[in-house]
Amino acid sequence: MTTTLPTPGAAAAPAARPPAIGVLGMGTHLPAGRRSNDEVARSAGVSPGWITERTGVRNRHAAAPDEAASDLAAAAVRSAVAAAGLDSEQLDLLILATSTPDELGPATACRVQALTKARNAVALDVSAACSGWLFAVRVAHDYLRSDACARHAAVVGVEAYSKFLDPADRATAVLFADGAAASVLGPVPAGEGFTDFHLGSDGALADHVLIPAGGSRAPASSGTVAAGRHTIRMDGRAVRDFIAEMFPAVVADGLARNRLRMEDIDAFVAHQPNPRLLRSVGTSLGIPPGRLPIVADEVGNIGAASTPYALAATAADGALPRGSRVLLTTFGAGMTWGSALLTWSGAPVIRTAPAPESTERSPR
């Protein structure tokens, strides 16, 4: 056997640059059940007009009694994988973001892995409330860039909030809803994909939005059930003030970090906590008209699914030509927030309509 040694003084071959990682396909799923403002208002003790005026939400979707978060997520993942032109067995990683898991354990991602037959994927959950999908995208992005054997990751945000709502609590019942949105990430041409992430959290504010009981701090008991402590509690004023402060700060930081101006961004795709509040803050911030997609008026606040659902809907509507520059911004319980700059790769989108067996596919 002959071994060839490098020539003394010869320069070492440059290490291969990690691939750019972007979106290859997206899928969304809304359950068939609908809850109009008329229905929600009756239980919450308000008028339908009050809901519209205060929130801007007109409709929301609710999972059936036998549907869990994993069922909604699996439908979205299947659509995203199909949109990307792949098979589930080609997924190397599956990350699920949610605040409403099937169980406290195991990871709901493992349930989705089984449902989608993604047998080669490493499956795990990320818990960062409404910022969860973006936090999970950061994990998937870095995983794919650092592991030469991994090429494709599915990242899905999903919520089944209807299972955790007190219908009489107007602070939460009028806003929160169910849905899922998934993205398949993988290598994209240079100049496309994700180029910047900036995430943050402030645990001192964790009590602003939470489900008080059911975990190790306050395990389920007859007392916690009787006190209604297994439903979402939210300090609406504190959350509103947080969003009004953080949304402009996160946008300004994202622009400054990338040396961009407001007009350089084709779409500001944000979490959708309250469409009326989002529009108001966007206008005050000076986001150009038509560049802040609003979807929560028809689907409500679907938590970890909100940002990817807004991104998928914007792309499916033809508002994101290939090469469009997108600033993603999120904020949620925890409290958490984040941003990412994304150059859109022209990925197709498949949206499962809220009716059995019905799908809508976007053009490439």
Foldseek 3Di string as FASTA:
>chain_A
DDDDDDDPPDDDDDDDAFFFKAFLFKEKEAAQAKDALCNLCVQQVHHSVVLCVVFVAGMAGAHDPPDAFLNQALRGQVQRCVLSVHALCLAAAEEEEEPGAPAPDDASQVVSCVVRVNVNYDYDYAYQKLCRQVVVVVVVRVVSRVDVVGFKYKYKYWYNQVVFANSNNPLPSSFEHTIMMMTMMGGDDPLFRWDDKDKDFDQVQQVQKDQQECDPVHNDDPVCVVVSSRHIDHPNVVVLVCCLPVVLVQVVVVCVVVVHDLVLALAEQEQAAGQVSVVVSCVVSPRDPPRYQHDCNHHGRRINRRRNVSVQVCLLVVSQDQQGWYWYWYAPRSTMIMIIIGRHHSRKYKYADNDPPDIDIGDD
